[in-house]
Amino acid sequence: MVWLEEPLGQLSNRPGNWMFNAPGSLGRIEARLCGAAFTPHRHDTYAVGITLEGVQSFDYCGSARHSLPGQVVVLHPDELHDGRSGDGAPFRYRTAYVAPAEMQQVLSGRALPFIAGGISDDPALRRAVCALLEDLAHPLDTLELEQALHDLTVALMAVAGLKSPARITNHAAVIRARDYIHANLDRSFQLEDLERATGHDRWQLSRDFRALLGASPYRFLIFRRLDRARRMMTGGHGLADVAHACGFSDQSHFTRHFRKTFGMTPKAWVAAHDRSR
């Protein structure tokens, strides 16, 4: 795969695989891919997007899914999925990666909405997704992004049938646990440590944490370590040094988690980004 940072207009007719990363604080891409594009992996964000061309197929929640042009794809955080062409021809799509914490500004401690099947034809949801993805050439300004995320969250709640979702029992404890994890990325700890740091029962905390932030405390820790690893890899650090600095037991352990999360090995990720420069 070739990762490119060219203006989107120059890519529209380019053959082969390509991926355009939009500027701005919110992760947004447009991609054109062929064949088996991604091995099974997970995100700690929602992946919300729209299929533009071809058949975008993926295994999700135990079944094969097939999104046609105009359909919205919503992948819940921490759900295993892959990506491939559904008919042998190239497929093209746009996707935004929205952190659960961004949606909690609207949910205010409510559980995250889940879209059964991962594909929707709901018009209001399509409008909300398109507002995030309409212009990839320029970053969304702050007010525009806040409004778009509000509308997306409200639309997801409606599609998921969440009229009056129950509030999480201890929102403040989840925030304290999140901050504790951020401060201790390079060391090992247990749920007991989180219980002491938050004053909240470890098992209820684990359930609340997943409901609010889309992943278990352990997987949230792995995602944050991998975020640090990618920054270090971009800075030219060797993979063994990255693995050690980011709290993984060895390079093999690091590679296994990286592939599960991003659908490619660290070496392949580095090579793809080297080619994009």
Protein backbone atom coordinates (compact mmCIF):
# COMPACT_ATOMS: atom_id res chain seq x y z
CA MET A 1 0.00 0.00 0.00
CA VAL A 2 1.18 3.54 -0.77
CA TRP A 3 0.27 6.20 1.79
CA LEU A 4 0.11 9.64 0.20
CA GLU A 5 -0.31 13.18 1.48
CA GLU A 6 -1.24 14.76 -1.83
CA PRO A 7 -4.23 17.05 -2.40
CA LEU A 8 -7.25 14.82 -2.79
CA GLY A 9 -8.02 15.99 -6.31
CA GLN A 10 -4.74 14.55 -7.59
CA LEU A 11 -5.61 11.14 -6.17
CA SER A 12 -9.13 10.62 -7.50
CA ASN A 13 -7.98 8.90 -10.70
CA ARG A 14 -4.78 7.30 -9.39
CA PRO A 15 -4.73 3.51 -9.93
CA GLY A 16 -3.73 1.04 -7.24
CA ASN A 17 -3.99 1.41 -3.47
CA TRP A 18 -3.75 4.82 -1.84
CA MET A 19 -4.78 6.54 1.36
CA PHE A 20 -5.14 10.27 2.00
CA ASN A 21 -4.82 11.54 5.57
CA ALA A 22 -6.73 14.78 6.12
CA PRO A 23 -5.17 17.62 8.14
CA GLY A 24 -6.52 18.58 11.54
CA SER A 25 -6.89 17.15 15.03
CA LEU A 26 -9.56 14.59 14.07
CA GLY A 27 -8.33 11.50 12.23
CA ARG A 28 -10.01 11.46 8.81
CA ILE A 29 -9.05 9.50 5.70
CA GLU A 30 -10.10 8.71 2.18
CA ALA A 31 -8.80 5.43 0.80
CA ARG A 32 -8.97 3.40 -2.39
CA LEU A 33 -8.04 -0.24 -1.82
CA CYS A 34 -8.05 -3.55 -3.67
CA GLY A 35 -8.27 -7.14 -2.52
CA ALA A 36 -7.65 -7.98 1.13
CA ALA A 37 -6.77 -4.56 2.50
CA PHE A 38 -6.55 -5.14 6.28
CA THR A 39 -6.08 -8.19 8.48
CA PRO A 40 -8.24 -8.45 11.63
CA HIS A 41 -7.52 -5.56 13.99
CA ARG A 42 -9.17 -3.17 16.46
CA HIS A 43 -9.44 0.57 17.14
CA ASP A 44 -10.04 2.28 20.45
CA THR A 45 -12.15 4.81 18.55
CA TYR A 46 -15.36 4.67 16.60
CA ALA A 47 -14.68 4.33 12.89
CA VAL A 48 -17.57 6.13 11.17
CA GLY A 49 -17.55 6.49 7.42
CA ILE A 50 -19.28 6.19 4.12
CA THR A 51 -18.61 3.91 1.15
CA LEU A 52 -18.04 5.89 -2.05
CA GLU A 53 -17.32 3.23 -4.68
CA GLY A 54 -17.36 -0.55 -4.98
CA VAL A 55 -18.25 -3.02 -2.23
CA GLN A 56 -16.56 -2.46 1.13
CA SER A 57 -16.65 -5.82 2.92
CA PHE A 58 -15.51 -6.79 6.39
CA ASP A 59 -16.04 -9.42 9.06
CA TYR A 60 -17.60 -7.87 12.17
CA CYS A 61 -19.34 -9.29 15.22
CA GLY A 62 -19.29 -12.81 13.82
CA SER A 63 -20.64 -12.13 10.32
CA ALA A 64 -19.52 -10.84 6.93
CA ARG A 65 -20.81 -7.32 6.20
CA HIS A 66 -21.05 -5.59 2.83
CA SER A 67 -21.40 -1.82 2.47
CA LEU A 68 -22.47 -0.34 -0.88
CA PRO A 69 -21.96 3.25 -2.10
CA GLY A 70 -23.90 5.69 0.08
CA GLN A 71 -24.15 3.39 3.07
CA VAL A 72 -22.71 4.41 6.43
CA VAL A 73 -20.27 2.15 8.26
CA VAL A 74 -20.04 2.43 12.06
CA LEU A 75 -17.51 0.23 13.83
CA HIS A 76 -17.73 0.28 17.61
CA PRO A 77 -14.51 0.74 19.62
CA ASP A 78 -12.56 -2.44 20.40
CA GLU A 79 -14.56 -4.63 17.99
CA LEU A 80 -12.41 -6.94 15.84
CA HIS A 81 -12.78 -6.37 12.09
CA ASP A 82 -10.88 -6.62 8.82
CA GLY A 83 -11.34 -4.97 5.40
CA ARG A 84 -11.49 -6.20 1.82
CA SER A 85 -13.12 -5.82 -1.56
CA GLY A 86 -16.47 -7.55 -1.72
CA ASP A 87 -16.51 -8.12 -5.48
CA GLY A 88 -12.87 -8.23 -6.54
CA ALA A 89 -12.90 -4.63 -7.78
CA PRO A 90 -11.38 -1.65 -5.94
CA PHE A 91 -13.46 0.03 -3.25
CA ARG A 92 -13.21 3.61 -1.99
CA TYR A 93 -14.43 5.13 1.26
CA ARG A 94 -14.03 7.96 3.74
CA THR A 95 -13.75 7.40 7.48
CA ALA A 96 -13.41 9.51 10.63
CA TYR A 97 -11.96 8.09 13.84
CA VAL A 98 -13.84 9.52 16.82
CA ALA A 99 -12.62 8.89 20.35
CA PRO A 100 -15.35 7.93 22.85
CA ALA A 101 -14.14 10.72 25.13
CA GLU A 102 -15.12 13.24 22.44
CA MET A 103 -18.65 11.84 22.43
CA GLN A 104 -18.90 11.87 26.21
CA GLN A 105 -19.22 15.64 26.01
CA VAL A 106 -22.71 14.89 24.68
CA LEU A 107 -23.39 11.57 26.42
CA SER A 108 -22.42 13.02 29.84
CA GLY A 109 -21.62 9.66 31.38
CA ARG A 110 -24.07 7.52 29.40
CA ALA A 111 -23.03 4.24 27.78
CA LEU A 112 -21.74 4.37 24.20
CA PRO A 113 -24.31 3.66 21.45
CA PHE A 114 -23.82 0.41 19.53
CA ILE A 115 -24.99 0.05 15.91
CA ALA A 116 -25.93 -3.57 15.31
CA GLY A 117 -24.38 -4.96 12.13
CA GLY A 118 -22.08 -1.98 11.62
CA ILE A 119 -23.95 -0.64 8.54
CA SER A 120 -26.77 1.90 8.40
CA ASP A 121 -28.97 3.63 5.81
CA ASP A 122 -30.35 6.13 8.33
CA PRO A 123 -30.56 9.57 6.61
CA ALA A 124 -29.83 11.62 9.74
CA LEU A 125 -26.76 9.52 10.52
CA ARG A 126 -25.57 9.85 6.92
CA ARG A 127 -25.89 13.64 7.12
CA ALA A 128 -23.93 13.72 10.37
CA VAL A 129 -21.15 11.52 8.97
CA CYS A 130 -20.95 13.54 5.75
CA ALA A 131 -20.59 16.75 7.75
CA LEU A 132 -17.41 15.33 9.26
CA LEU A 133 -16.07 14.04 5.94
CA GLU A 134 -17.29 16.51 3.33
CA ASP A 135 -14.07 18.51 3.05
CA LEU A 136 -10.88 16.53 3.69
CA ALA A 137 -8.60 19.16 2.17
CA HIS A 138 -8.95 21.46 5.18
CA PRO A 139 -9.14 20.86 8.95
CA LEU A 140 -12.43 21.43 10.73
CA ASP A 141 -12.38 24.55 12.87
CA THR A 142 -13.18 24.14 16.55
CA LEU A 143 -16.83 25.16 16.48
CA GLU A 144 -17.51 23.16 13.32
CA LEU A 145 -15.94 20.06 14.86
CA GLU A 146 -17.85 20.43 18.12
CA GLN A 147 -21.16 20.76 16.29
CA ALA A 148 -20.39 17.85 13.97
CA LEU A 149 -19.50 15.58 16.90
CA HIS A 150 -22.67 16.62 18.74
CA ASP A 151 -24.83 15.80 15.71
CA LEU A 152 -23.03 12.51 15.14
CA THR A 153 -23.51 11.42 18.76
CA VAL A 154 -27.21 12.32 18.73
CA ALA A 155 -27.71 10.43 15.44
CA LEU A 156 -25.88 7.35 16.74
CA MET A 157 -28.03 7.36 19.88
CA ALA A 158 -31.19 7.52 17.77
CA VAL A 159 -30.14 4.68 15.46
CA ALA A 160 -29.11 2.57 18.47
CA GLY A 161 -32.52 3.19 20.06
CA LEU A 162 -31.08 4.96 23.10
CA LYS A 163 -33.84 7.36 24.06
CA SER A 164 -33.00 7.66 27.75
CA PRO A 165 -29.86 5.61 28.38
CA ALA A 166 -28.88 4.88 31.95
CA ARG A 167 -26.03 6.90 33.38
CA ILE A 168 -22.81 5.26 34.42
CA THR A 169 -22.57 4.76 38.17
CA ASN A 170 -19.31 6.66 38.68
CA HIS A 171 -18.17 8.88 35.81
CA ALA A 172 -15.55 10.67 37.94
CA ALA A 173 -13.87 7.35 38.84
CA VAL A 174 -13.49 6.50 35.16
CA ILE A 175 -11.80 9.83 34.51
CA ARG A 176 -9.43 9.26 37.44
CA ALA A 177 -8.63 5.78 36.11
CA ARG A 178 -7.96 7.17 32.64
CA ASP A 179 -5.60 9.79 34.09
CA TYR A 180 -3.83 7.11 36.15
CA ILE A 181 -3.25 5.02 33.02
CA HIS A 182 -1.88 8.01 31.12
CA ALA A 183 0.56 8.67 33.95
CA ASN A 184 1.76 5.06 34.16
CA LEU A 185 2.15 3.91 30.56
CA ASP A 186 5.68 2.58 31.13
CA ARG A 187 4.95 0.31 34.09
CA SER A 188 2.75 -2.68 34.91
CA PHE A 189 -0.20 -2.38 37.26
CA GLN A 190 -3.38 -4.23 38.18
CA LEU A 191 -7.06 -3.47 38.58
CA GLU A 192 -6.33 -3.33 42.30
CA ASP A 193 -4.09 -0.33 41.65
CA LEU A 194 -6.89 1.40 39.74
CA GLU A 195 -9.27 0.62 42.58
CA ARG A 196 -6.93 2.31 45.07
CA ALA A 197 -6.40 5.28 42.76
CA THR A 198 -10.11 5.85 42.15
CA GLY A 199 -11.80 4.59 45.31
CA HIS A 200 -14.22 2.60 43.12
CA ASP A 201 -14.80 -1.18 43.07
CA ARG A 202 -12.44 -2.66 40.48
CA TRP A 203 -15.05 -4.73 38.67
CA GLN A 204 -17.65 -1.99 38.48
CA LEU A 205 -14.87 0.38 37.43
CA SER A 206 -13.90 -1.97 34.60
CA ARG A 207 -17.52 -2.13 33.37
CA ASP A 208 -17.98 1.64 33.64
CA PHE A 209 -14.65 2.30 31.92
CA ARG A 210 -15.60 0.19 28.90
CA ALA A 211 -19.05 1.76 28.69
CA LEU A 212 -17.66 5.31 28.75
CA LEU A 213 -14.42 4.97 26.79
CA GLY A 214 -15.10 1.98 24.54
CA ALA A 215 -12.38 -0.37 25.79
CA SER A 216 -11.35 -2.16 28.95
CA PRO A 217 -8.70 -0.46 31.12
CA TYR A 218 -6.09 -2.97 29.90
CA ARG A 219 -6.83 -2.47 26.23
CA PHE A 220 -6.95 1.30 26.74
CA LEU A 221 -3.44 1.02 28.20
CA ILE A 222 -2.26 -0.96 25.15
CA PHE A 223 -3.77 1.59 22.76
CA ARG A 224 -2.01 4.46 24.54
CA ARG A 225 1.31 2.59 24.49
CA LEU A 226 0.88 2.00 20.77
CA ASP A 227 0.14 5.70 20.24
CA ARG A 228 3.48 6.48 21.88
CA ALA A 229 5.15 3.77 19.79
CA ARG A 230 3.94 5.27 16.53
CA ARG A 231 5.24 8.69 17.53
CA MET A 232 8.63 7.17 18.32
CA MET A 233 8.69 5.20 15.06
CA THR A 234 7.90 8.36 13.12
CA GLY A 235 10.86 9.96 14.88
CA GLY A 236 13.19 7.24 13.59
CA HIS A 237 13.61 5.10 16.71
CA GLY A 238 14.38 1.40 16.22
CA LEU A 239 11.67 -1.16 16.92
CA ALA A 240 13.50 -2.82 19.83
CA ASP A 241 13.99 0.55 21.53
CA VAL A 242 10.35 1.45 20.90
CA ALA A 243 9.12 -1.82 22.40
CA HIS A 244 11.18 -1.31 25.55
CA ALA A 245 10.30 2.38 25.98
CA CYS A 246 6.58 1.75 25.54
CA GLY A 247 6.24 -0.96 28.18
CA PHE A 248 6.19 -4.11 26.03
CA SER A 249 8.13 -7.14 27.24
CA ASP A 250 10.02 -7.52 23.95
CA GLN A 251 9.81 -6.72 20.24
CA SER A 252 7.72 -9.82 19.52
CA HIS A 253 5.18 -8.78 22.15
CA PHE A 254 5.08 -5.27 20.66
CA THR A 255 4.67 -6.59 17.11
CA ARG A 256 1.82 -8.87 18.10
CA HIS A 257 -0.16 -6.04 19.70
CA PHE A 258 0.63 -3.62 16.88
CA ARG A 259 -0.63 -6.03 14.22
CA LYS A 260 -3.79 -6.78 16.18
CA THR A 261 -4.52 -3.07 16.48
CA PHE A 262 -3.47 -1.65 13.10
CA GLY A 263 -3.72 -4.63 10.76
CA MET A 264 -0.04 -4.57 9.76
CA THR A 265 3.35 -5.14 11.35
CA PRO A 266 5.43 -2.24 12.70
CA LYS A 267 7.97 -2.78 9.89
CA ALA A 268 5.22 -2.52 7.26
CA TRP A 269 3.85 0.60 8.95
CA VAL A 270 7.26 2.28 8.96
CA ALA A 271 7.86 1.34 5.31
CA ALA A 272 4.46 2.70 4.27
CA HIS A 273 5.08 6.00 6.00
CA ASP A 274 8.61 6.27 4.60
CA ARG A 275 7.14 5.98 1.10
CA SER A 276 4.62 8.75 1.85
CA ARG A 277 7.32 11.36 2.46
